[in-house]
Amino acid sequence: MATGLCLVAKLPAGDWPQFRGPRASGVADERRLPTRWSLENGENIRWQTTIPGLGHASPIVWKDRIYIATAVKPGARPELKVGLYGSGDSYAEKEPHQWRLVCLDKVSGKVLWDKPGHETVPRVERHTKATHCNSTPATDGERIVAMFGSEGLFCFDMQGLELWRKDLGKLHAGPYDVPRMQWGFASSPVLHDGKVIVQCDTLSEHFLAVFDAKDGRELWRTVRDEVSAWSTPIVAETPKQIIVNGWKHIGGYDFATGRELWKLKEGGDIPVASPILWRDRVILTSGHGKYRPMRAVRLNASGDVTPPEMGATNASVVWCHPRKGNYMQTPIAIGNLLWGCLDNGVVTCFDAMTGRIYYEQRIGGGGQGFTSSPVADGRHLYFTGEQGDVFVIPTVEKFSVFATNSIGGIWLATPAISDGALFFRTTEKLVAVAAERSEGVEVR
């Protein structure tokens, strides 16, 4: 295993149970992944399967099954506007939608079942680049939890049968300074030690809550003073805490009680990226507005650790770059190195210990946006552009692009990794890329 990763007990080999996989690291150091493939001739394409509806929720994997959440607009294909643009417009869709859970065989791509989880007219609008199903489900092998935004938190068994649901209210997520806009919900639930963790930072609701995974019983809820955020929380073990990103209130909360342990203010005013763990630290970044910091904070921080000015450090804030962080993507760490990527494709490589910058280089030529978070096998990083180009970058201090491949279609979801295969979700299908020759037959 790559050194420097803050991981605890390993999951069974091949499982990718939540957003960004085991321990939310984005890394599967189990088997070398393919670095080159071709949709045209089937090189290293194991299978392609059409997925109904529209969703940016990432695929998750448990043993020999893949699970995907999606929102289906019967009789029509929802619009989606991608690329680099500043408009905050929304789509108002008044037709009923079906939120569905789809299960596929990992080896063949065959759809094993496709079950409706909820059907109604969406309670809120969505950003033109978003969907009504942005949040990635999570599983512990006994159940699957899915956050359908304003439609609620749902729990299913491993066959897709509903066990319980919780209505968390109409979650009006949009920019704090233009409250008329509605952009939709995107924070993913986390399953840990039989508990479901949900971060709801919106204009209408502001809280962090933990539920019993067995029956949905609310165990605690801590109110937060925060604007809308789209980031997913993480769990650190020492001390055991839930860490959340934000703008007015970044921080750590006691896992058992929800008591605030430490707090950090300021950064980008539209937080999207999730925190990541590295050794005894948490790496935090956010974008938009006056700052877009990349910074490292010690896990044993206590109280308000906000420095007097952005860029300053203290006993808890180890290093900070006020304008070197990123907006949409969650960073990734391998060994002593840390990478972040801007939505325009500028990749920055840091020393995770000191914050030293090794390089800043652009991928994609500036012609496409980057929303999907990178993943890695410990040797190579995979950065995916919205137009489906995948840039493979070695995990070393010197910049190079080892290969550029196309996955086809429009791509905003973060990939999953399992047993030597990459699983890419486009707006139309799920594609399995593995280091083996196949016919590349599409499964319907």
Protein backbone atom coordinates (compact mmCIF):
# COMPACT_ATOMS: atom_id res chain seq x y z
CA MET A 1 0.00 0.00 0.00
CA ALA A 2 1.23 3.49 -0.80
CA THR A 3 2.76 5.15 2.25
CA GLY A 4 1.16 8.20 3.78
CA LEU A 5 -2.46 7.19 3.23
CA CYS A 6 -4.55 7.55 6.39
CA LEU A 7 -6.42 4.25 6.17
CA VAL A 8 -7.70 1.85 8.79
CA ALA A 9 -8.89 -1.76 8.49
CA LYS A 10 -9.08 -2.75 4.83
CA LEU A 11 -12.33 -3.67 3.16
CA PRO A 12 -12.60 -6.91 1.21
CA ALA A 13 -10.51 -6.66 -1.96
CA GLY A 14 -12.38 -5.10 -4.84
CA ASP A 15 -15.06 -3.22 -2.89
CA TRP A 16 -15.68 0.44 -3.73
CA PRO A 17 -18.53 1.13 -1.30
CA GLN A 18 -19.03 4.90 -1.42
CA PHE A 19 -18.04 8.16 -3.10
CA ARG A 20 -14.30 7.88 -3.84
CA GLY A 21 -14.13 4.31 -2.64
CA PRO A 22 -12.40 2.79 0.43
CA ARG A 23 -12.00 5.39 3.18
CA ALA A 24 -13.01 8.00 0.57
CA SER A 25 -9.40 8.03 -0.66
CA GLY A 26 -10.01 7.69 -4.40
CA VAL A 27 -7.26 5.04 -4.43
CA ALA A 28 -7.42 1.30 -5.06
CA ASP A 29 -3.89 -0.05 -4.68
CA GLU A 30 -4.75 -3.62 -5.61
CA ARG A 31 -3.82 -4.32 -9.22
CA ARG A 32 -2.38 -2.31 -12.10
CA LEU A 33 -5.11 -0.62 -14.12
CA PRO A 34 -5.00 -0.21 -17.90
CA THR A 35 -3.52 3.07 -19.07
CA ARG A 36 -4.65 2.78 -22.70
CA TRP A 37 -7.91 1.65 -24.27
CA SER A 38 -10.05 2.17 -27.36
CA LEU A 39 -13.81 2.20 -27.73
CA GLU A 40 -13.41 1.89 -31.49
CA ASN A 41 -11.63 -1.46 -31.57
CA GLY A 42 -12.60 -2.77 -28.13
CA GLU A 43 -9.07 -2.68 -26.73
CA ASN A 44 -9.30 -3.12 -22.94
CA ILE A 45 -13.07 -2.51 -23.05
CA ARG A 46 -14.73 -5.24 -21.00
CA TRP A 47 -18.33 -4.10 -21.56
CA GLN A 48 -20.67 -1.15 -22.06
CA THR A 49 -24.17 -1.04 -20.59
CA THR A 50 -26.89 1.54 -21.21
CA ILE A 51 -28.12 3.21 -18.00
CA PRO A 52 -31.61 4.78 -17.95
CA GLY A 53 -32.23 8.36 -16.89
CA LEU A 54 -29.69 10.97 -15.84
CA GLY A 55 -27.45 11.15 -12.80
CA HIS A 56 -23.99 12.23 -11.68
CA ALA A 57 -24.00 9.70 -8.82
CA SER A 58 -20.90 7.51 -9.05
CA PRO A 59 -21.13 3.73 -9.31
CA ILE A 60 -20.37 1.76 -6.15
CA VAL A 61 -19.15 -1.84 -6.00
CA TRP A 62 -19.69 -4.63 -3.48
CA LYS A 63 -18.26 -8.06 -4.28
CA ASP A 64 -19.54 -9.01 -7.76
CA ARG A 65 -22.24 -6.33 -8.00
CA ILE A 66 -22.28 -2.70 -9.16
CA TYR A 67 -25.01 -0.33 -7.96
CA ILE A 68 -26.01 2.95 -9.61
CA ALA A 69 -28.64 5.52 -8.66
CA THR A 70 -30.39 7.48 -11.41
CA ALA A 71 -33.32 9.84 -12.00
CA VAL A 72 -35.57 8.95 -14.91
CA LYS A 73 -37.86 11.45 -16.60
CA PRO A 74 -40.37 9.13 -18.33
CA GLY A 75 -40.76 9.81 -22.02
CA ALA A 76 -37.99 12.41 -22.26
CA ARG A 77 -34.24 12.87 -21.88
CA PRO A 78 -33.40 15.70 -19.47
CA GLU A 79 -31.27 18.55 -20.76
CA LEU A 80 -27.70 18.98 -19.57
CA LYS A 81 -25.38 21.90 -20.24
CA VAL A 82 -21.68 21.21 -19.67
CA GLY A 83 -18.49 23.20 -20.23
CA LEU A 84 -16.90 26.29 -18.68
CA TYR A 85 -19.48 29.00 -18.13
CA GLY A 86 -20.56 31.35 -15.36
CA SER A 87 -24.33 31.14 -15.64
CA GLY A 88 -26.17 29.89 -12.55
CA ASP A 89 -29.42 29.12 -14.38
CA SER A 90 -31.67 26.26 -13.35
CA TYR A 91 -34.05 23.85 -15.05
CA ALA A 92 -37.60 23.82 -13.70
CA GLU A 93 -39.03 20.38 -14.45
CA LYS A 94 -42.65 19.85 -13.48
CA GLU A 95 -42.99 16.33 -14.83
CA PRO A 96 -42.86 13.31 -12.49
CA HIS A 97 -39.44 11.68 -12.15
CA GLN A 98 -38.51 8.20 -10.97
CA TRP A 99 -35.48 7.80 -8.72
CA ARG A 100 -34.22 4.29 -9.45
CA LEU A 101 -31.54 1.93 -8.19
CA VAL A 102 -29.87 -0.28 -10.81
CA CYS A 103 -27.77 -3.38 -10.09
CA LEU A 104 -25.31 -4.83 -12.61
CA ASP A 105 -23.08 -7.89 -12.73
CA LYS A 106 -19.50 -6.64 -12.40
CA VAL A 107 -17.99 -9.16 -14.80
CA SER A 108 -20.51 -9.08 -17.65
CA GLY A 109 -22.26 -5.70 -17.25
CA LYS A 110 -25.66 -7.42 -17.37
CA VAL A 111 -28.45 -5.55 -15.57
CA LEU A 112 -29.60 -7.85 -12.78
CA TRP A 113 -32.39 -5.59 -11.58
CA ASP A 114 -33.68 -2.03 -12.02
CA LYS A 115 -36.03 -0.95 -9.26
CA PRO A 116 -37.92 2.29 -8.56
CA GLY A 117 -37.12 3.89 -5.24
CA HIS A 118 -39.34 6.96 -5.41
CA GLU A 119 -41.57 8.81 -7.89
CA THR A 120 -42.79 12.41 -7.76
CA VAL A 121 -42.41 15.83 -9.34
CA PRO A 122 -39.02 17.19 -8.15
CA ARG A 123 -39.46 19.51 -5.18
CA VAL A 124 -36.63 21.81 -6.31
CA GLU A 125 -34.98 22.89 -9.55
CA ARG A 126 -31.50 21.81 -10.63
CA HIS A 127 -28.49 23.62 -12.05
CA THR A 128 -28.13 23.31 -15.83
CA LYS A 129 -24.99 21.19 -15.29
CA ALA A 130 -26.51 19.12 -12.46
CA THR A 131 -29.06 16.31 -12.27
CA HIS A 132 -31.77 15.27 -9.83
CA CYS A 133 -29.48 12.41 -8.73
CA ASN A 134 -26.04 13.81 -7.93
CA SER A 135 -25.33 12.02 -4.64
CA THR A 136 -23.48 8.70 -4.69
CA PRO A 137 -25.05 5.84 -2.68
CA ALA A 138 -23.09 3.96 0.01
CA THR A 139 -23.19 0.33 1.09
CA ASP A 140 -21.85 -1.86 3.89
CA GLY A 141 -22.82 -5.13 2.23
CA GLU A 142 -26.08 -5.40 4.20
CA ARG A 143 -27.87 -2.30 2.96
CA ILE A 144 -27.59 0.55 0.48
CA VAL A 145 -28.32 4.15 1.47
CA ALA A 146 -29.12 6.76 -1.17
CA MET A 147 -29.67 10.48 -0.80
CA PHE A 148 -32.17 11.80 -3.34
CA GLY A 149 -31.84 15.40 -2.18
CA SER A 150 -35.15 17.06 -1.35
CA GLU A 151 -36.92 13.75 -1.99
CA GLY A 152 -35.27 12.29 1.12
CA LEU A 153 -32.79 9.79 2.49
CA PHE A 154 -33.58 6.19 1.49
CA CYS A 155 -32.28 2.83 2.66
CA PHE A 156 -32.61 -0.37 0.61
CA ASP A 157 -31.59 -3.97 1.12
CA MET A 158 -29.09 -5.51 -1.30
CA GLN A 159 -31.95 -6.53 -3.61
CA GLY A 160 -33.26 -2.97 -3.91
CA LEU A 161 -36.23 -3.32 -1.55
CA GLU A 162 -36.91 -0.27 0.60
CA LEU A 163 -36.17 -0.66 4.32
CA TRP A 164 -36.81 2.91 5.47
CA ARG A 165 -36.82 6.53 4.35
CA LYS A 166 -36.44 9.94 6.00
CA ASP A 167 -37.85 13.22 4.72
CA LEU A 168 -35.18 15.85 5.49
CA GLY A 169 -37.17 18.74 4.11
CA LYS A 170 -37.08 20.86 0.97
CA LEU A 171 -33.34 21.39 0.54
CA HIS A 172 -32.97 24.68 -1.29
CA ALA A 173 -29.33 24.59 -2.38
CA GLY A 174 -28.14 27.64 -4.28
CA PRO A 175 -25.70 30.55 -3.92
CA TYR A 176 -26.13 32.51 -0.70
CA ASP A 177 -25.96 35.83 -2.55
CA VAL A 178 -28.58 34.86 -5.21
CA PRO A 179 -31.15 32.90 -3.20
CA ARG A 180 -33.66 32.75 -6.07
CA MET A 181 -31.40 30.22 -7.83
CA GLN A 182 -31.78 26.50 -7.15
CA TRP A 183 -28.85 24.24 -7.99
CA GLY A 184 -29.80 20.92 -6.43
CA PHE A 185 -28.24 18.71 -3.76
CA ALA A 186 -24.96 16.76 -4.16
CA SER A 187 -23.50 15.74 -0.79
CA SER A 188 -23.32 11.94 -0.58
CA PRO A 189 -24.24 9.86 2.48
CA VAL A 190 -21.54 7.98 4.38
CA LEU A 191 -22.01 4.57 6.03
CA HIS A 192 -19.67 3.92 8.94
CA ASP A 193 -19.95 1.55 11.93
CA GLY A 194 -23.66 1.01 11.32
CA LYS A 195 -24.36 4.74 11.15
CA VAL A 196 -25.50 6.91 8.23
CA ILE A 197 -23.91 10.35 8.10
CA VAL A 198 -25.58 13.17 6.17
CA GLN A 199 -24.34 16.72 5.68
CA CYS A 200 -27.18 19.08 4.72
CA ASP A 201 -25.81 22.56 4.18
CA THR A 202 -28.36 24.48 2.12
CA LEU A 203 -30.16 27.82 2.24
CA SER A 204 -33.14 26.21 3.96
CA GLU A 205 -31.51 23.57 6.19
CA HIS A 206 -28.08 23.63 7.86
CA PHE A 207 -27.13 20.54 9.85
CA LEU A 208 -24.95 17.47 10.22
CA ALA A 209 -26.88 14.37 11.28
CA VAL A 210 -26.27 10.71 12.06
CA PHE A 211 -28.92 7.98 11.71
CA ASP A 212 -29.03 4.33 12.75
CA ALA A 213 -28.53 2.34 9.54
CA LYS A 214 -30.86 -0.44 10.72
CA ASP A 215 -34.05 1.57 11.14
CA GLY A 216 -33.33 5.20 10.21
CA ARG A 217 -33.65 6.42 13.78
CA GLU A 218 -31.98 9.82 14.19
CA LEU A 219 -29.17 9.53 16.74
CA TRP A 220 -28.08 13.17 16.75
CA ARG A 221 -28.30 16.35 14.74
CA THR A 222 -26.01 19.36 15.07
CA VAL A 223 -27.19 22.66 13.63
CA ARG A 224 -24.59 24.53 11.57
CA ASP A 225 -24.18 28.20 10.69
CA GLU A 226 -23.41 27.69 7.01
CA VAL A 227 -24.28 28.56 3.41
CA SER A 228 -24.98 25.99 0.70
CA ALA A 229 -22.27 23.38 0.27
CA TRP A 230 -22.09 20.33 -1.98
CA SER A 231 -19.24 18.41 -0.33
CA THR A 232 -19.37 14.95 1.23
CA PRO A 233 -18.15 14.45 4.84
CA ILE A 234 -15.44 11.96 5.84
CA VAL A 235 -14.65 10.00 9.00
CA ALA A 236 -11.27 10.10 10.73
CA GLU A 237 -10.42 7.52 13.39
CA THR A 238 -7.87 9.27 15.65
CA PRO A 239 -9.57 11.07 17.21
CA LYS A 240 -12.82 9.60 15.86
CA GLN A 241 -14.61 12.46 14.18
CA ILE A 242 -16.70 13.51 11.20
CA ILE A 243 -14.99 16.22 9.16
CA VAL A 244 -16.98 18.53 6.91
CA ASN A 245 -16.04 21.20 4.41
CA GLY A 246 -17.78 24.57 4.31
CA TRP A 247 -17.21 28.30 4.12
CA LYS A 248 -18.35 29.76 7.44
CA HIS A 249 -17.86 26.52 9.35
CA ILE A 250 -15.30 23.91 8.27
CA GLY A 251 -14.56 21.50 11.08
CA GLY A 252 -14.57 18.24 12.99
CA TYR A 253 -17.42 16.81 15.07
CA ASP A 254 -17.31 14.00 17.62
CA PHE A 255 -18.60 10.87 15.89
CA ALA A 256 -20.64 9.65 18.87
CA THR A 257 -22.29 12.90 19.98
CA GLY A 258 -21.99 15.55 17.26
CA ARG A 259 -20.09 17.87 19.59
CA GLU A 260 -17.89 20.34 17.75
CA LEU A 261 -14.18 19.52 18.19
CA TRP A 262 -12.58 22.19 16.03
CA LYS A 263 -13.56 24.91 13.59
CA LEU A 264 -12.00 26.76 10.64
CA LYS A 265 -13.53 29.69 8.76
CA GLU A 266 -13.23 31.18 5.28
CA GLY A 267 -12.11 29.89 1.91
CA GLY A 268 -14.10 29.60 -1.30
CA ASP A 269 -17.73 30.58 -0.76
CA ILE A 270 -19.16 27.68 -2.82
CA PRO A 271 -17.65 24.56 -1.17
CA VAL A 272 -17.85 21.47 -3.38
CA ALA A 273 -14.70 19.39 -2.82
CA SER A 274 -14.68 16.89 0.04
CA PRO A 275 -12.00 16.76 2.73
CA ILE A 276 -9.36 14.04 2.35
CA LEU A 277 -7.18 12.34 4.96
CA TRP A 278 -3.40 12.24 4.85
CA ARG A 279 -1.50 10.75 7.79
CA ASP A 280 -2.36 12.88 10.86
CA ARG A 281 -3.90 15.66 8.79
CA VAL A 282 -6.94 16.57 6.76
CA ILE A 283 -6.51 18.34 3.42
CA LEU A 284 -9.18 20.96 2.68
CA THR A 285 -9.91 23.02 -0.41
CA SER A 286 -12.75 25.12 -1.80
CA GLY A 287 -13.25 27.61 -4.60
CA HIS A 288 -15.14 30.66 -5.84
CA GLY A 289 -15.03 34.18 -4.43
CA LYS A 290 -12.03 35.91 -2.89
CA TYR A 291 -10.08 32.76 -2.03
CA ARG A 292 -9.60 29.18 -3.19
CA PRO A 293 -7.22 27.77 -0.56
CA MET A 294 -5.48 24.42 -0.38
CA ARG A 295 -4.51 23.76 3.23
CA ALA A 296 -3.57 21.06 5.72
CA VAL A 297 -5.00 20.89 9.26
CA ARG A 298 -3.95 18.51 12.05
CA LEU A 299 -6.57 15.97 13.09
CA ASN A 300 -5.98 16.74 16.79
CA ALA A 301 -7.02 20.39 16.29
CA SER A 302 -9.17 21.87 19.03
CA GLY A 303 -11.38 24.96 19.19
CA ASP A 304 -11.35 27.75 16.60
CA VAL A 305 -8.12 27.26 14.64
CA THR A 306 -8.71 30.03 12.08
CA PRO A 307 -5.50 32.04 11.50
CA PRO A 308 -5.73 35.87 11.60
CA GLU A 309 -5.37 36.03 7.80
CA MET A 310 -5.66 33.65 4.87
CA GLY A 311 -2.31 32.02 4.16
CA ALA A 312 -1.09 32.21 7.75
CA THR A 313 -0.38 29.06 9.76
CA ASN A 314 -0.50 28.04 13.42
CA ALA A 315 -0.20 24.94 15.58
CA SER A 316 -3.17 23.33 13.80
CA VAL A 317 -3.04 24.79 10.27
CA VAL A 318 0.23 23.31 8.97
CA TRP A 319 0.34 25.01 5.57
CA CYS A 320 -1.94 27.02 3.30
CA HIS A 321 -1.92 28.33 -0.27
CA PRO A 322 -4.68 30.99 -0.50
CA ARG A 323 -5.11 30.74 -4.30
CA LYS A 324 -3.87 27.26 -5.23
CA GLY A 325 -6.89 25.17 -4.33
CA ASN A 326 -9.65 23.88 -6.58
CA TYR A 327 -13.38 24.32 -6.97
CA MET A 328 -15.25 21.26 -8.24
CA GLN A 329 -12.90 18.30 -7.82
CA THR A 330 -11.84 16.58 -4.62
CA PRO A 331 -8.03 16.33 -4.36
CA ILE A 332 -6.13 13.04 -4.15
CA ALA A 333 -2.99 11.96 -2.27
CA ILE A 334 -0.51 9.19 -3.09
CA GLY A 335 2.46 8.70 -0.79
CA ASN A 336 3.84 12.15 0.04
CA LEU A 337 2.26 13.83 -2.99
CA LEU A 338 -1.05 15.64 -3.32
CA TRP A 339 -2.85 16.68 -6.52
CA GLY A 340 -5.67 19.13 -7.14
CA CYS A 341 -7.30 20.11 -10.42
CA LEU A 342 -9.17 23.27 -11.36
CA ASP A 343 -12.36 23.08 -13.40
CA ASN A 344 -10.35 24.47 -16.37
CA GLY A 345 -7.88 21.57 -16.22
CA VAL A 346 -4.91 23.12 -14.38
CA VAL A 347 -3.35 20.36 -12.26
CA THR A 348 -1.19 21.28 -9.26
CA CYS A 349 1.09 18.80 -7.51
CA PHE A 350 2.00 19.54 -3.86
CA ASP A 351 4.22 18.01 -1.24
CA ALA A 352 1.55 16.93 1.26
CA MET A 353 3.90 17.37 4.21
CA THR A 354 5.13 20.90 3.52
CA GLY A 355 2.78 22.34 0.88
CA ARG A 356 5.67 22.82 -1.56
CA ILE A 357 4.45 23.02 -5.17
CA TYR A 358 6.20 20.75 -7.65
CA TYR A 359 4.27 21.76 -10.76
CA GLU A 360 1.21 23.50 -12.20
CA GLN A 361 0.28 22.25 -15.66
CA ARG A 362 -2.85 22.27 -17.80
CA ILE A 363 -4.46 19.17 -19.26
CA GLY A 364 -7.15 19.24 -21.91
CA GLY A 365 -5.93 22.41 -23.63
CA GLY A 366 -8.56 24.57 -21.92
CA GLY A 367 -11.29 23.31 -24.21
CA GLN A 368 -13.36 21.37 -21.69
CA GLY A 369 -14.41 21.50 -18.07
CA PHE A 370 -13.31 19.11 -15.31
CA THR A 371 -15.88 18.13 -12.68
CA SER A 372 -15.21 14.45 -11.96
CA SER A 373 -12.73 13.83 -9.14
CA PRO A 374 -9.53 11.90 -9.97
CA VAL A 375 -8.92 8.29 -8.94
CA ALA A 376 -5.71 6.26 -8.86
CA ASP A 377 -4.20 2.79 -8.61
CA GLY A 378 -1.18 4.09 -6.70
CA ARG A 379 0.91 4.35 -9.88
CA HIS A 380 -1.24 6.44 -12.19
CA LEU A 381 -3.85 9.18 -11.74
CA TYR A 382 -6.95 9.30 -13.93
CA PHE A 383 -8.40 12.77 -14.61
CA THR A 384 -11.60 12.77 -16.68
CA GLY A 385 -12.87 15.79 -18.60
CA GLU A 386 -16.55 16.54 -19.14
CA GLN A 387 -16.24 15.64 -22.84
CA GLY A 388 -15.02 12.13 -21.99
CA ASP A 389 -11.23 12.50 -22.38
CA VAL A 390 -9.28 10.63 -19.69
CA PHE A 391 -5.77 11.89 -18.93
CA VAL A 392 -3.42 9.38 -17.30
CA ILE A 393 -0.69 11.05 -15.20
CA PRO A 394 2.15 9.25 -13.33
CA THR A 395 2.19 9.69 -9.55
CA VAL A 396 5.60 11.42 -9.42
CA GLU A 397 6.85 14.98 -8.84
CA LYS A 398 7.52 15.63 -12.54
CA PHE A 399 4.58 16.38 -14.82
CA SER A 400 3.82 14.25 -17.86
CA VAL A 401 0.76 12.78 -19.50
CA PHE A 402 1.32 9.07 -19.92
CA ALA A 403 -1.74 8.59 -22.12
CA THR A 404 -4.96 10.25 -23.21
CA ASN A 405 -8.00 8.06 -23.88
CA SER A 406 -11.63 8.69 -24.73
CA ILE A 407 -14.47 7.16 -22.79
CA GLY A 408 -17.09 8.66 -25.11
CA GLY A 409 -20.13 10.75 -24.19
CA ILE A 410 -20.53 13.39 -21.48
CA TRP A 411 -18.88 12.59 -18.17
CA LEU A 412 -19.25 14.31 -14.76
CA ALA A 413 -19.41 11.36 -12.33
CA THR A 414 -16.32 10.15 -10.47
CA PRO A 415 -15.14 6.67 -11.61
CA ALA A 416 -15.07 3.53 -9.48
CA ILE A 417 -12.25 0.98 -9.34
CA SER A 418 -12.57 -2.74 -8.59
CA ASP A 419 -10.42 -5.81 -9.30
CA GLY A 420 -8.25 -4.17 -11.94
CA ALA A 421 -11.11 -2.42 -13.74
CA LEU A 422 -12.23 1.20 -14.06
CA PHE A 423 -15.97 1.88 -14.22
CA PHE A 424 -16.90 5.13 -15.97
CA ARG A 425 -20.44 6.48 -15.87
CA THR A 426 -21.36 8.77 -18.76
CA THR A 427 -24.77 10.38 -19.21
CA GLU A 428 -25.78 7.40 -21.35
CA LYS A 429 -24.03 4.29 -20.10
CA LEU A 430 -21.58 2.58 -17.77
CA VAL A 431 -18.28 1.50 -19.34
CA ALA A 432 -15.93 -1.10 -17.82
CA VAL A 433 -12.26 -0.67 -18.77
CA ALA A 434 -9.96 -3.56 -17.86
CA ALA A 435 -6.59 -4.85 -19.05
CA GLU A 436 -7.93 -7.62 -21.19
CA ARG A 437 -9.11 -7.99 -24.75
CA SER A 438 -12.88 -8.10 -25.27
CA GLU A 439 -15.38 -7.56 -28.04
CA GLY A 440 -16.69 -4.35 -26.52
CA VAL A 441 -20.29 -5.48 -27.00
CA GLU A 442 -22.91 -3.14 -25.63
CA VAL A 443 -25.29 -4.69 -23.13
CA ARG A 444 -28.87 -3.41 -23.03
